[in-house]
Amino acid sequence: MKILCVSDQIDPLIYTNSLKERYADVDIVLSAGDLPLDYLDFIMSTLNKPVLFVFGNHHTDKISNYRRDDPYENKGMYNLEHYQYGADYVESRVVYEEGLIIAGLGGSMKYNNGENQFTNFQMKLRILKLLPALLFNRLFRGRYIDILLTHASPLGIHDRKDLCHKGFKDFLWFMRVFKPKYLIHGHIHLYDYSEIRTSKYRDTLVVNAFSHYIIDTGE
């Protein structure tokens, strides 16, 4: 299986009429945040493959349309954006797609009280909400999860020293306990493409999806 990972930057190698020819063998697309929804819609409509995403700490103007506490939810209008843009919002959910168990935890470390920012404690609570679904998969599918899709990175892996780009400590705990094959994140921009973008932590390959990156699960 081939997974196209994208985040943070509109890539001219993706946003092109030759996308379908270049990535015809991609099975699923995962967006780790900070990308406009019409960009994800372009990818989905061109490749005709499932696109799953979380929001980052930028490009969050549409986020209220996806939240379950949206006032339109009780009027049968919840998640209208899904039908407009097509991509599947997996924030705080565990989904089964193309044979993969995928969970999403978007947002960044809280640094200026902006949209979709969290403290370490808040992120811990969000992880705990995933537990029932993770346990269900362990019981009925033999494993907790295959991919954790985040925006921020884990603490000490690909992160930076400033508070905005600091990673979450509980992502390390998550990887130790639930052993996903991959943790795919964004948020950390790579200005030198020789910088490390994949790191192994226990049983998990941590991937920085900045711009775009291909994961081939058969390798």
N, C-alpha and C. Protein backbone atom coordinates (compact mmCIF):
# COMPACT_ATOMS: atom_id res chain seq x y z
N MET A 1 0.84 -1.20 0.00
CA MET A 1 0.00 0.00 0.00
C MET A 1 0.87 1.24 0.00
N LYS A 2 0.45 2.25 -0.77
CA LYS A 2 1.17 3.52 -0.78
C LYS A 2 0.28 4.62 -0.20
N ILE A 3 0.87 5.39 0.70
CA ILE A 3 0.17 6.47 1.39
C ILE A 3 0.83 7.79 1.03
N LEU A 4 0.05 8.72 0.50
CA LEU A 4 0.54 10.06 0.23
C LEU A 4 0.24 10.93 1.45
N CYS A 5 1.29 11.42 2.09
CA CYS A 5 1.16 12.29 3.26
C CYS A 5 1.44 13.73 2.85
N VAL A 6 0.61 14.65 3.31
CA VAL A 6 0.79 16.06 2.98
C VAL A 6 0.57 16.91 4.23
N SER A 7 1.22 18.06 4.27
CA SER A 7 0.97 19.02 5.35
C SER A 7 1.66 20.34 5.07
N ASP A 8 1.11 21.42 5.62
CA ASP A 8 1.76 22.71 5.84
C ASP A 8 2.10 23.55 4.61
N GLN A 9 2.32 22.94 3.48
CA GLN A 9 2.75 23.70 2.31
C GLN A 9 2.11 23.13 1.05
N ILE A 10 1.53 24.02 0.24
CA ILE A 10 1.01 23.59 -1.06
C ILE A 10 2.20 23.28 -1.96
N ASP A 11 2.29 22.03 -2.37
CA ASP A 11 3.45 21.55 -3.11
C ASP A 11 3.15 21.58 -4.61
N PRO A 12 3.98 22.26 -5.41
CA PRO A 12 3.74 22.30 -6.86
C PRO A 12 3.82 20.93 -7.52
N LEU A 13 4.45 19.96 -6.88
CA LEU A 13 4.48 18.61 -7.43
C LEU A 13 3.14 17.90 -7.21
N ILE A 14 2.34 18.41 -6.27
CA ILE A 14 1.02 17.85 -5.99
C ILE A 14 -0.06 18.66 -6.70
N TYR A 15 0.03 19.98 -6.60
CA TYR A 15 -0.99 20.87 -7.15
C TYR A 15 -0.73 21.10 -8.63
N THR A 16 -0.90 20.04 -9.42
CA THR A 16 -0.58 20.09 -10.84
C THR A 16 -1.49 19.13 -11.59
N ASN A 17 -1.67 19.40 -12.87
CA ASN A 17 -2.51 18.53 -13.71
C ASN A 17 -1.92 17.14 -13.88
N SER A 18 -0.63 16.99 -13.60
CA SER A 18 0.01 15.68 -13.75
C SER A 18 -0.05 14.85 -12.47
N LEU A 19 -0.81 15.32 -11.48
CA LEU A 19 -0.88 14.60 -10.19
C LEU A 19 -1.32 13.15 -10.38
N LYS A 20 -2.35 12.93 -11.19
CA LYS A 20 -2.89 11.58 -11.34
C LYS A 20 -1.87 10.64 -11.96
N GLU A 21 -1.13 11.11 -12.94
CA GLU A 21 -0.12 10.27 -13.58
C GLU A 21 1.04 10.01 -12.62
N ARG A 22 1.41 11.02 -11.86
CA ARG A 22 2.57 10.88 -10.98
C ARG A 22 2.28 9.97 -9.79
N TYR A 23 1.04 10.04 -9.25
CA TYR A 23 0.73 9.27 -8.05
C TYR A 23 -0.48 8.37 -8.25
N ALA A 24 -0.56 7.75 -9.42
CA ALA A 24 -1.69 6.87 -9.73
C ALA A 24 -1.74 5.66 -8.81
N ASP A 25 -0.60 5.26 -8.26
CA ASP A 25 -0.55 4.05 -7.42
C ASP A 25 -0.79 4.33 -5.94
N VAL A 26 -1.12 5.56 -5.59
CA VAL A 26 -1.42 5.90 -4.19
C VAL A 26 -2.78 5.32 -3.81
N ASP A 27 -2.87 4.75 -2.61
CA ASP A 27 -4.12 4.13 -2.14
C ASP A 27 -4.93 5.04 -1.21
N ILE A 28 -4.26 5.90 -0.49
CA ILE A 28 -4.94 6.76 0.48
C ILE A 28 -4.08 7.99 0.72
N VAL A 29 -4.72 9.11 1.07
CA VAL A 29 -4.02 10.37 1.33
C VAL A 29 -4.31 10.81 2.75
N LEU A 30 -3.27 11.17 3.49
CA LEU A 30 -3.41 11.64 4.86
C LEU A 30 -2.82 13.04 4.98
N SER A 31 -3.62 13.98 5.47
CA SER A 31 -3.17 15.36 5.65
C SER A 31 -2.99 15.66 7.13
N ALA A 32 -1.78 16.11 7.48
CA ALA A 32 -1.45 16.40 8.87
C ALA A 32 -1.64 17.87 9.24
N GLY A 33 -2.45 18.58 8.48
CA GLY A 33 -2.86 19.92 8.89
C GLY A 33 -2.18 21.08 8.21
N ASP A 34 -2.74 22.27 8.47
CA ASP A 34 -2.26 23.55 7.95
C ASP A 34 -2.28 23.61 6.42
N LEU A 35 -3.34 23.03 5.83
CA LEU A 35 -3.54 23.12 4.40
C LEU A 35 -4.98 23.55 4.14
N PRO A 36 -5.22 24.39 3.13
CA PRO A 36 -6.59 24.80 2.81
C PRO A 36 -7.40 23.60 2.32
N LEU A 37 -8.69 23.62 2.64
CA LEU A 37 -9.54 22.49 2.28
C LEU A 37 -9.71 22.32 0.77
N ASP A 38 -9.65 23.42 0.02
CA ASP A 38 -9.80 23.26 -1.43
C ASP A 38 -8.59 22.54 -2.04
N TYR A 39 -7.44 22.63 -1.37
CA TYR A 39 -6.26 21.87 -1.81
C TYR A 39 -6.49 20.37 -1.61
N LEU A 40 -7.06 20.01 -0.45
CA LEU A 40 -7.38 18.61 -0.20
C LEU A 40 -8.45 18.12 -1.17
N ASP A 41 -9.40 18.99 -1.47
CA ASP A 41 -10.45 18.63 -2.43
C ASP A 41 -9.86 18.37 -3.81
N PHE A 42 -8.89 19.18 -4.21
CA PHE A 42 -8.22 18.96 -5.49
C PHE A 42 -7.54 17.59 -5.52
N ILE A 43 -6.85 17.26 -4.43
CA ILE A 43 -6.16 15.97 -4.37
C ILE A 43 -7.16 14.82 -4.46
N MET A 44 -8.24 14.93 -3.69
CA MET A 44 -9.23 13.85 -3.66
C MET A 44 -9.92 13.67 -5.01
N SER A 45 -10.33 14.78 -5.60
CA SER A 45 -11.06 14.68 -6.87
C SER A 45 -10.16 14.25 -8.02
N THR A 46 -8.87 14.57 -7.93
CA THR A 46 -7.93 14.18 -8.99
C THR A 46 -7.54 12.71 -8.87
N LEU A 47 -7.20 12.28 -7.67
CA LEU A 47 -6.75 10.90 -7.48
C LEU A 47 -7.92 9.93 -7.28
N ASN A 48 -9.07 10.49 -6.85
CA ASN A 48 -10.23 9.64 -6.56
C ASN A 48 -9.90 8.58 -5.51
N LYS A 49 -9.20 9.02 -4.48
CA LYS A 49 -8.82 8.16 -3.36
C LYS A 49 -9.29 8.80 -2.06
N PRO A 50 -9.46 8.01 -0.99
CA PRO A 50 -9.86 8.59 0.29
C PRO A 50 -8.82 9.59 0.80
N VAL A 51 -9.29 10.72 1.32
CA VAL A 51 -8.42 11.73 1.92
C VAL A 51 -8.89 11.94 3.36
N LEU A 52 -8.03 11.69 4.31
CA LEU A 52 -8.32 11.87 5.73
C LEU A 52 -7.46 13.01 6.25
N PHE A 53 -8.01 13.84 7.15
CA PHE A 53 -7.23 14.99 7.60
C PHE A 53 -7.56 15.41 9.03
N VAL A 54 -6.63 16.15 9.60
CA VAL A 54 -6.85 16.90 10.84
C VAL A 54 -6.47 18.35 10.56
N PHE A 55 -6.98 19.24 11.39
CA PHE A 55 -6.58 20.65 11.30
C PHE A 55 -5.30 20.87 12.10
N GLY A 56 -4.51 21.85 11.65
CA GLY A 56 -3.35 22.28 12.41
C GLY A 56 -3.70 23.51 13.23
N ASN A 57 -2.76 24.44 13.33
CA ASN A 57 -3.02 25.69 14.04
C ASN A 57 -3.16 26.87 13.08
N HIS A 58 -3.10 26.62 11.79
CA HIS A 58 -3.39 27.61 10.75
C HIS A 58 -4.45 27.03 9.81
N HIS A 59 -5.01 27.87 8.96
CA HIS A 59 -6.09 27.43 8.05
C HIS A 59 -7.22 26.77 8.83
N THR A 60 -7.62 27.42 9.92
CA THR A 60 -8.66 26.84 10.79
C THR A 60 -10.00 27.57 10.64
N ASP A 61 -10.17 28.36 9.59
CA ASP A 61 -11.39 29.16 9.45
C ASP A 61 -12.64 28.29 9.30
N LYS A 62 -12.48 27.05 8.83
CA LYS A 62 -13.63 26.16 8.62
C LYS A 62 -13.83 25.18 9.77
N ILE A 63 -13.01 25.26 10.79
CA ILE A 63 -13.00 24.20 11.80
C ILE A 63 -14.33 24.08 12.54
N SER A 64 -15.03 25.20 12.73
CA SER A 64 -16.30 25.15 13.47
C SER A 64 -17.35 24.33 12.73
N ASN A 65 -17.23 24.21 11.42
CA ASN A 65 -18.19 23.42 10.65
C ASN A 65 -18.04 21.92 10.90
N TYR A 66 -16.89 21.53 11.44
CA TYR A 66 -16.62 20.11 11.64
C TYR A 66 -16.79 19.66 13.08
N ARG A 67 -16.82 20.59 14.00
CA ARG A 67 -16.87 20.21 15.40
C ARG A 67 -18.25 19.69 15.79
N ARG A 68 -18.25 18.69 16.65
CA ARG A 68 -19.50 18.05 17.04
C ARG A 68 -20.38 18.95 17.90
N ASP A 69 -19.81 20.01 18.46
CA ASP A 69 -20.62 20.93 19.26
C ASP A 69 -21.16 22.08 18.41
N ASP A 70 -21.04 21.93 17.08
CA ASP A 70 -21.55 22.95 16.19
C ASP A 70 -23.07 23.09 16.37
N PRO A 71 -23.60 24.31 16.44
CA PRO A 71 -25.04 24.49 16.69
C PRO A 71 -25.93 23.89 15.61
N TYR A 72 -25.41 23.66 14.41
CA TYR A 72 -26.21 23.09 13.34
C TYR A 72 -26.38 21.57 13.47
N GLU A 73 -25.62 20.98 14.39
CA GLU A 73 -25.65 19.52 14.49
C GLU A 73 -27.07 19.01 14.71
N ASN A 74 -27.81 19.65 15.60
CA ASN A 74 -29.15 19.19 15.93
C ASN A 74 -30.17 19.52 14.85
N LYS A 75 -29.75 20.23 13.82
CA LYS A 75 -30.65 20.56 12.72
C LYS A 75 -30.36 19.70 11.49
N GLY A 76 -29.57 18.65 11.70
CA GLY A 76 -29.26 17.75 10.60
C GLY A 76 -28.29 18.34 9.60
N MET A 77 -27.54 19.37 9.99
CA MET A 77 -26.64 20.03 9.06
C MET A 77 -25.17 19.83 9.44
N TYR A 78 -24.93 18.96 10.41
CA TYR A 78 -23.55 18.75 10.86
C TYR A 78 -22.66 18.22 9.73
N ASN A 79 -21.48 18.79 9.66
CA ASN A 79 -20.46 18.34 8.71
C ASN A 79 -20.86 18.57 7.25
N LEU A 80 -21.55 19.66 6.98
CA LEU A 80 -21.84 20.00 5.60
C LEU A 80 -20.57 20.16 4.77
N GLU A 81 -19.50 20.61 5.43
CA GLU A 81 -18.25 20.81 4.70
C GLU A 81 -17.74 19.49 4.12
N HIS A 82 -18.07 18.39 4.78
CA HIS A 82 -17.63 17.10 4.26
C HIS A 82 -18.15 16.88 2.84
N TYR A 83 -19.38 17.28 2.61
CA TYR A 83 -19.97 17.07 1.30
C TYR A 83 -19.46 18.10 0.29
N GLN A 84 -19.00 19.23 0.77
CA GLN A 84 -18.47 20.24 -0.13
C GLN A 84 -17.04 19.89 -0.56
N TYR A 85 -16.24 19.44 0.41
CA TYR A 85 -14.83 19.20 0.12
C TYR A 85 -14.47 17.73 0.00
N GLY A 86 -15.27 16.85 0.54
CA GLY A 86 -15.06 15.42 0.34
C GLY A 86 -14.11 14.76 1.30
N ALA A 87 -13.08 15.46 1.77
CA ALA A 87 -12.12 14.86 2.68
C ALA A 87 -12.79 14.53 4.02
N ASP A 88 -12.28 13.50 4.67
CA ASP A 88 -12.88 12.98 5.90
C ASP A 88 -12.10 13.48 7.11
N TYR A 89 -12.77 14.21 7.97
CA TYR A 89 -12.17 14.78 9.17
C TYR A 89 -12.11 13.70 10.26
N VAL A 90 -10.91 13.36 10.69
CA VAL A 90 -10.74 12.24 11.63
C VAL A 90 -10.30 12.71 13.02
N GLU A 91 -10.48 13.98 13.31
CA GLU A 91 -10.11 14.51 14.63
C GLU A 91 -10.83 13.76 15.75
N SER A 92 -10.05 13.28 16.73
CA SER A 92 -10.58 12.59 17.92
C SER A 92 -11.46 11.40 17.55
N ARG A 93 -11.15 10.77 16.42
CA ARG A 93 -11.87 9.59 15.97
C ARG A 93 -10.89 8.48 15.63
N VAL A 94 -11.38 7.26 15.69
CA VAL A 94 -10.63 6.11 15.21
C VAL A 94 -11.45 5.51 14.07
N VAL A 95 -10.88 5.47 12.87
CA VAL A 95 -11.61 5.01 11.70
C VAL A 95 -10.89 3.83 11.06
N TYR A 96 -11.64 3.07 10.28
CA TYR A 96 -11.09 1.94 9.53
C TYR A 96 -11.25 2.25 8.06
N GLU A 97 -10.14 2.47 7.38
CA GLU A 97 -10.16 2.91 5.98
C GLU A 97 -9.09 2.18 5.19
N GLU A 98 -9.47 1.57 4.08
CA GLU A 98 -8.55 0.86 3.21
C GLU A 98 -7.72 -0.18 3.98
N GLY A 99 -8.36 -0.83 4.96
CA GLY A 99 -7.69 -1.85 5.74
C GLY A 99 -6.79 -1.32 6.84
N LEU A 100 -6.78 0.00 7.05
CA LEU A 100 -5.94 0.62 8.06
C LEU A 100 -6.79 1.20 9.19
N ILE A 101 -6.30 1.06 10.42
CA ILE A 101 -6.93 1.69 11.57
C ILE A 101 -6.20 3.00 11.82
N ILE A 102 -6.92 4.10 11.71
CA ILE A 102 -6.29 5.43 11.75
C ILE A 102 -7.02 6.30 12.77
N ALA A 103 -6.26 7.00 13.60
CA ALA A 103 -6.83 7.96 14.56
C ALA A 103 -6.22 9.32 14.31
N GLY A 104 -6.98 10.38 14.60
CA GLY A 104 -6.50 11.74 14.36
C GLY A 104 -6.48 12.59 15.62
N LEU A 105 -5.39 13.33 15.82
CA LEU A 105 -5.27 14.29 16.92
C LEU A 105 -4.54 15.53 16.38
N GLY A 106 -5.30 16.51 15.92
CA GLY A 106 -4.71 17.70 15.34
C GLY A 106 -4.33 18.74 16.38
N GLY A 107 -3.96 19.92 15.88
CA GLY A 107 -3.63 21.03 16.77
C GLY A 107 -2.18 21.04 17.20
N SER A 108 -1.80 22.14 17.83
CA SER A 108 -0.42 22.33 18.28
C SER A 108 -0.41 22.64 19.77
N MET A 109 0.79 22.76 20.30
CA MET A 109 0.95 23.19 21.68
C MET A 109 0.38 24.60 21.85
N LYS A 110 -0.24 24.85 22.97
CA LYS A 110 -0.83 26.16 23.25
C LYS A 110 0.28 27.18 23.48
N TYR A 111 0.28 28.24 22.64
CA TYR A 111 1.34 29.23 22.75
C TYR A 111 0.84 30.66 22.71
N ASN A 112 -0.36 30.92 22.17
CA ASN A 112 -0.89 32.29 22.17
C ASN A 112 -2.41 32.33 22.26
N ASN A 113 -3.01 31.23 22.76
CA ASN A 113 -4.47 31.13 22.92
C ASN A 113 -5.22 31.17 21.59
N GLY A 114 -4.55 30.82 20.52
CA GLY A 114 -5.19 30.78 19.22
C GLY A 114 -6.03 29.54 19.02
N GLU A 115 -6.63 29.43 17.84
CA GLU A 115 -7.50 28.30 17.51
C GLU A 115 -6.72 26.99 17.45
N ASN A 116 -7.33 25.95 18.00
CA ASN A 116 -6.81 24.57 17.90
C ASN A 116 -5.43 24.41 18.54
N GLN A 117 -5.27 25.02 19.71
CA GLN A 117 -4.05 24.88 20.49
C GLN A 117 -4.40 24.24 21.84
N PHE A 118 -3.46 23.42 22.36
CA PHE A 118 -3.76 22.64 23.55
C PHE A 118 -2.56 22.57 24.48
N THR A 119 -2.85 22.45 25.76
CA THR A 119 -1.80 22.16 26.73
C THR A 119 -1.53 20.65 26.71
N ASN A 120 -0.48 20.23 27.37
CA ASN A 120 -0.19 18.81 27.47
C ASN A 120 -1.35 18.07 28.14
N PHE A 121 -1.93 18.68 29.17
CA PHE A 121 -3.03 18.03 29.88
C PHE A 121 -4.25 17.89 28.99
N GLN A 122 -4.55 18.92 28.21
CA GLN A 122 -5.68 18.85 27.30
C GLN A 122 -5.48 17.76 26.25
N MET A 123 -4.25 17.62 25.77
CA MET A 123 -3.98 16.57 24.79
C MET A 123 -4.13 15.20 25.43
N LYS A 124 -3.73 15.07 26.67
CA LYS A 124 -3.90 13.80 27.38
C LYS A 124 -5.38 13.42 27.44
N LEU A 125 -6.25 14.38 27.74
CA LEU A 125 -7.68 14.10 27.81
C LEU A 125 -8.22 13.69 26.44
N ARG A 126 -7.72 14.30 25.39
CA ARG A 126 -8.17 13.95 24.04
C ARG A 126 -7.74 12.53 23.68
N ILE A 127 -6.57 12.14 24.11
CA ILE A 127 -6.11 10.77 23.87
C ILE A 127 -6.99 9.77 24.62
N LEU A 128 -7.34 10.11 25.85
CA LEU A 128 -8.16 9.19 26.65
C LEU A 128 -9.52 8.94 26.01
N LYS A 129 -10.04 9.93 25.28
CA LYS A 129 -11.33 9.75 24.62
C LYS A 129 -11.27 8.70 23.50
N LEU A 130 -10.07 8.40 23.03
CA LEU A 130 -9.91 7.41 21.98
C LEU A 130 -9.90 5.98 22.52
N LEU A 131 -9.74 5.82 23.82
CA LEU A 131 -9.51 4.50 24.40
C LEU A 131 -10.58 3.47 24.06
N PRO A 132 -11.89 3.79 24.18
CA PRO A 132 -12.89 2.76 23.86
C PRO A 132 -12.75 2.22 22.44
N ALA A 133 -12.52 3.09 21.47
CA ALA A 133 -12.39 2.64 20.09
C ALA A 133 -11.10 1.84 19.88
N LEU A 134 -10.03 2.24 20.55
CA LEU A 134 -8.77 1.51 20.44
C LEU A 134 -8.91 0.10 21.02
N LEU A 135 -9.57 0.00 22.15
CA LEU A 135 -9.79 -1.31 22.77
C LEU A 135 -10.69 -2.19 21.91
N PHE A 136 -11.68 -1.58 21.28
CA PHE A 136 -12.56 -2.33 20.37
C PHE A 136 -11.74 -2.95 19.24
N ASN A 137 -10.85 -2.16 18.66
CA ASN A 137 -10.02 -2.68 17.57
C ASN A 137 -9.06 -3.77 18.03
N ARG A 138 -8.53 -3.60 19.22
CA ARG A 138 -7.64 -4.65 19.76
C ARG A 138 -8.39 -5.96 19.92
N LEU A 139 -9.64 -5.87 20.34
CA LEU A 139 -10.45 -7.06 20.58
C LEU A 139 -10.91 -7.71 19.29
N PHE A 140 -11.35 -6.90 18.32
CA PHE A 140 -11.98 -7.46 17.13
C PHE A 140 -11.09 -7.46 15.88
N ARG A 141 -9.99 -6.69 15.90
CA ARG A 141 -9.11 -6.68 14.74
C ARG A 141 -7.69 -7.09 15.09
N GLY A 142 -7.45 -7.37 16.35
CA GLY A 142 -6.16 -7.90 16.76
C GLY A 142 -5.08 -6.88 16.99
N ARG A 143 -5.40 -5.60 16.83
CA ARG A 143 -4.42 -4.53 17.06
C ARG A 143 -5.18 -3.26 17.41
N TYR A 144 -4.50 -2.37 18.13
CA TYR A 144 -5.14 -1.12 18.53
C TYR A 144 -5.30 -0.15 17.37
N ILE A 145 -4.20 0.02 16.63
CA ILE A 145 -4.15 1.10 15.64
C ILE A 145 -2.97 0.88 14.71
N ASP A 146 -3.09 1.37 13.49
CA ASP A 146 -1.97 1.33 12.54
C ASP A 146 -1.29 2.69 12.41
N ILE A 147 -2.08 3.76 12.35
CA ILE A 147 -1.52 5.10 12.10
C ILE A 147 -2.16 6.11 13.04
N LEU A 148 -1.33 6.88 13.72
CA LEU A 148 -1.80 8.06 14.45
C LEU A 148 -1.45 9.28 13.62
N LEU A 149 -2.47 10.01 13.19
CA LEU A 149 -2.30 11.21 12.36
C LEU A 149 -2.42 12.44 13.26
N THR A 150 -1.35 13.21 13.37
CA THR A 150 -1.34 14.39 14.23
C THR A 150 -0.88 15.60 13.44
N HIS A 151 -0.96 16.76 14.06
CA HIS A 151 -0.32 17.93 13.46
C HIS A 151 1.03 18.16 14.14
N ALA A 152 1.03 18.26 15.45
CA ALA A 152 2.27 18.43 16.19
C ALA A 152 3.04 17.11 16.24
N SER A 153 4.31 17.22 16.50
CA SER A 153 5.16 16.03 16.62
C SER A 153 5.21 15.57 18.07
N PRO A 154 5.75 14.39 18.32
CA PRO A 154 5.99 13.98 19.70
C PRO A 154 7.12 14.79 20.33
N LEU A 155 7.11 14.88 21.63
CA LEU A 155 8.17 15.60 22.34
C LEU A 155 9.53 14.96 22.06
N GLY A 156 10.47 15.80 21.63
CA GLY A 156 11.84 15.33 21.42
C GLY A 156 12.08 14.64 20.09
N ILE A 157 11.04 14.53 19.26
CA ILE A 157 11.21 13.90 17.94
C ILE A 157 10.75 14.90 16.88
N HIS A 158 11.69 15.42 16.14
CA HIS A 158 11.45 16.39 15.05
C HIS A 158 10.95 17.75 15.54
N ASP A 159 10.75 17.95 16.85
CA ASP A 159 10.17 19.21 17.31
C ASP A 159 11.25 20.28 17.45
N ARG A 160 10.84 21.47 17.87
CA ARG A 160 11.75 22.60 18.05
C ARG A 160 11.71 23.06 19.50
N LYS A 161 12.60 23.97 19.85
CA LYS A 161 12.70 24.41 21.24
C LYS A 161 11.64 25.43 21.62
N ASP A 162 11.13 26.22 20.63
CA ASP A 162 10.12 27.22 20.97
C ASP A 162 8.80 26.54 21.30
N LEU A 163 8.00 27.19 22.14
CA LEU A 163 6.77 26.59 22.65
C LEU A 163 5.82 26.20 21.53
N CYS A 164 5.70 27.05 20.51
CA CYS A 164 4.78 26.78 19.41
C CYS A 164 5.08 25.43 18.76
N HIS A 165 6.33 25.11 18.58
CA HIS A 165 6.72 23.91 17.83
C HIS A 165 7.20 22.78 18.73
N LYS A 166 6.95 22.92 20.01
CA LYS A 166 7.30 21.85 20.94
C LYS A 166 6.32 20.69 20.79
N GLY A 167 6.83 19.47 20.87
CA GLY A 167 5.99 18.30 20.70
C GLY A 167 5.25 17.92 21.97
N PHE A 168 4.27 17.04 21.84
CA PHE A 168 3.46 16.59 22.98
C PHE A 168 4.06 15.34 23.61
N LYS A 169 4.22 15.41 24.92
CA LYS A 169 4.81 14.30 25.67
C LYS A 169 3.97 13.04 25.59
N ASP A 170 2.64 13.18 25.61
CA ASP A 170 1.79 12.00 25.65
C ASP A 170 1.74 11.24 24.33
N PHE A 171 2.23 11.82 23.26
CA PHE A 171 2.36 11.04 22.03
C PHE A 171 3.40 9.93 22.21
N LEU A 172 4.41 10.18 23.05
CA LEU A 172 5.40 9.15 23.35
C LEU A 172 4.74 7.99 24.10
N TRP A 173 3.92 8.34 25.09
CA TRP A 173 3.18 7.31 25.84
C TRP A 173 2.26 6.53 24.90
N PHE A 174 1.59 7.23 24.02
CA PHE A 174 0.69 6.58 23.07
C PHE A 174 1.45 5.55 22.24
N MET A 175 2.61 5.91 21.75
CA MET A 175 3.38 4.99 20.92
C MET A 175 3.87 3.78 21.72
N ARG A 176 4.26 4.00 22.97
CA ARG A 176 4.73 2.89 23.79
C ARG A 176 3.61 1.90 24.08
N VAL A 177 2.41 2.41 24.34
CA VAL A 177 1.30 1.56 24.77
C VAL A 177 0.57 0.92 23.59
N PHE A 178 0.25 1.70 22.56
CA PHE A 178 -0.61 1.22 21.48
C PHE A 178 0.14 0.79 20.22
N LYS A 179 1.43 1.12 20.17
CA LYS A 179 2.32 0.61 19.12
C LYS A 179 1.81 0.81 17.68
N PRO A 180 1.44 2.01 17.30
CA PRO A 180 1.08 2.23 15.89
C PRO A 180 2.30 2.01 15.00
N LYS A 181 2.06 1.57 13.78
CA LYS A 181 3.17 1.39 12.85
C LYS A 181 3.76 2.74 12.45
N TYR A 182 2.86 3.75 12.37
CA TYR A 182 3.31 5.08 11.95
C TYR A 182 2.64 6.15 12.81
N LEU A 183 3.39 7.19 13.10
CA LEU A 183 2.84 8.45 13.58
C LEU A 183 3.22 9.48 12.52
N ILE A 184 2.21 10.05 11.88
CA ILE A 184 2.44 11.01 10.80
C ILE A 184 2.05 12.39 11.30
N HIS A 185 2.99 13.32 11.27
CA HIS A 185 2.74 14.68 11.77
C HIS A 185 3.17 15.71 10.74
N GLY A 186 2.78 16.95 11.00
CA GLY A 186 3.21 18.08 10.20
C GLY A 186 3.87 19.11 11.11
N HIS A 187 3.56 20.39 10.87
CA HIS A 187 3.91 21.50 11.79
C HIS A 187 5.38 21.90 11.76
N ILE A 188 6.27 20.95 11.53
CA ILE A 188 7.70 21.25 11.54
C ILE A 188 8.17 21.42 10.09
N HIS A 189 8.38 22.67 9.71
CA HIS A 189 8.79 22.96 8.34
C HIS A 189 10.24 22.56 8.11
N LEU A 190 10.50 22.04 6.93
CA LEU A 190 11.84 21.62 6.56
C LEU A 190 12.37 22.58 5.48
N TYR A 191 13.34 23.37 5.85
CA TYR A 191 13.93 24.31 4.90
C TYR A 191 15.15 23.72 4.22
N ASP A 192 15.67 22.67 4.78
CA ASP A 192 16.77 21.92 4.19
C ASP A 192 16.29 20.49 4.04
N TYR A 193 16.12 20.04 2.81
CA TYR A 193 15.53 18.72 2.59
C TYR A 193 16.47 17.58 2.95
N SER A 194 17.67 17.92 3.43
CA SER A 194 18.54 16.88 3.99
C SER A 194 18.26 16.67 5.47
N GLU A 195 17.38 17.51 6.05
CA GLU A 195 17.01 17.32 7.44
C GLU A 195 16.29 15.99 7.63
N ILE A 196 16.43 15.44 8.83
CA ILE A 196 15.77 14.17 9.14
C ILE A 196 14.26 14.36 9.15
N ARG A 197 13.54 13.51 8.42
CA ARG A 197 12.08 13.58 8.42
C ARG A 197 11.43 12.28 8.86
N THR A 198 12.20 11.23 9.07
CA THR A 198 11.67 9.98 9.62
C THR A 198 12.56 9.53 10.77
N SER A 199 11.94 9.09 11.85
CA SER A 199 12.67 8.61 13.02
C SER A 199 11.93 7.42 13.61
N LYS A 200 12.66 6.47 14.13
CA LYS A 200 12.06 5.30 14.75
C LYS A 200 11.97 5.50 16.26
N TYR A 201 10.78 5.26 16.81
CA TYR A 201 10.59 5.29 18.26
C TYR A 201 9.90 4.00 18.67
N ARG A 202 10.61 3.12 19.35
CA ARG A 202 10.09 1.80 19.69
C ARG A 202 9.61 1.10 18.42
N ASP A 203 8.32 0.78 18.35
CA ASP A 203 7.76 0.07 17.19
C ASP A 203 7.18 1.00 16.13
N THR A 204 7.34 2.30 16.30
CA THR A 204 6.66 3.29 15.46
C THR A 204 7.65 4.09 14.62
N LEU A 205 7.32 4.23 13.34
CA LEU A 205 8.08 5.14 12.48
C LEU A 205 7.38 6.50 12.51
N VAL A 206 8.08 7.52 12.98
CA VAL A 206 7.55 8.88 13.06
C VAL A 206 7.93 9.61 11.77
N VAL A 207 6.92 10.12 11.06
CA VAL A 207 7.14 10.71 9.74
C VAL A 207 6.69 12.17 9.74
N ASN A 208 7.57 13.05 9.32
CA ASN A 208 7.22 14.45 9.10
C ASN A 208 6.68 14.59 7.68
N ALA A 209 5.39 14.92 7.57
CA ALA A 209 4.73 14.96 6.26
C ALA A 209 4.88 16.30 5.56
N PHE A 210 5.72 17.19 6.05
CA PHE A 210 5.84 18.53 5.47
C PHE A 210 5.92 18.48 3.95
N SER A 211 5.10 19.31 3.31
CA SER A 211 5.00 19.38 1.86
C SER A 211 4.36 18.10 1.36
N HIS A 212 5.15 17.06 1.10
CA HIS A 212 4.55 15.75 0.82
C HIS A 212 5.59 14.66 1.04
N TYR A 213 5.09 13.47 1.35
CA TYR A 213 5.97 12.32 1.58
C TYR A 213 5.18 11.06 1.27
N ILE A 214 5.84 10.10 0.63
CA ILE A 214 5.21 8.84 0.29
C ILE A 214 5.66 7.74 1.25
N ILE A 215 4.71 7.05 1.83
CA ILE A 215 4.98 5.86 2.64
C ILE A 215 4.57 4.65 1.82
N ASP A 216 5.49 3.72 1.65
CA ASP A 216 5.19 2.45 1.00
C ASP A 216 5.24 1.38 2.08
N THR A 217 4.08 0.87 2.48
CA THR A 217 4.02 -0.08 3.59
C THR A 217 4.62 -1.42 3.23
N GLY A 218 4.90 -1.65 1.95
CA GLY A 218 5.50 -2.91 1.54
C GLY A 218 7.00 -2.92 1.66
N GLU A 219 7.59 -1.76 1.92
CA GLU A 219 9.06 -1.70 2.00
C GLU A 219 9.56 -2.18 3.37
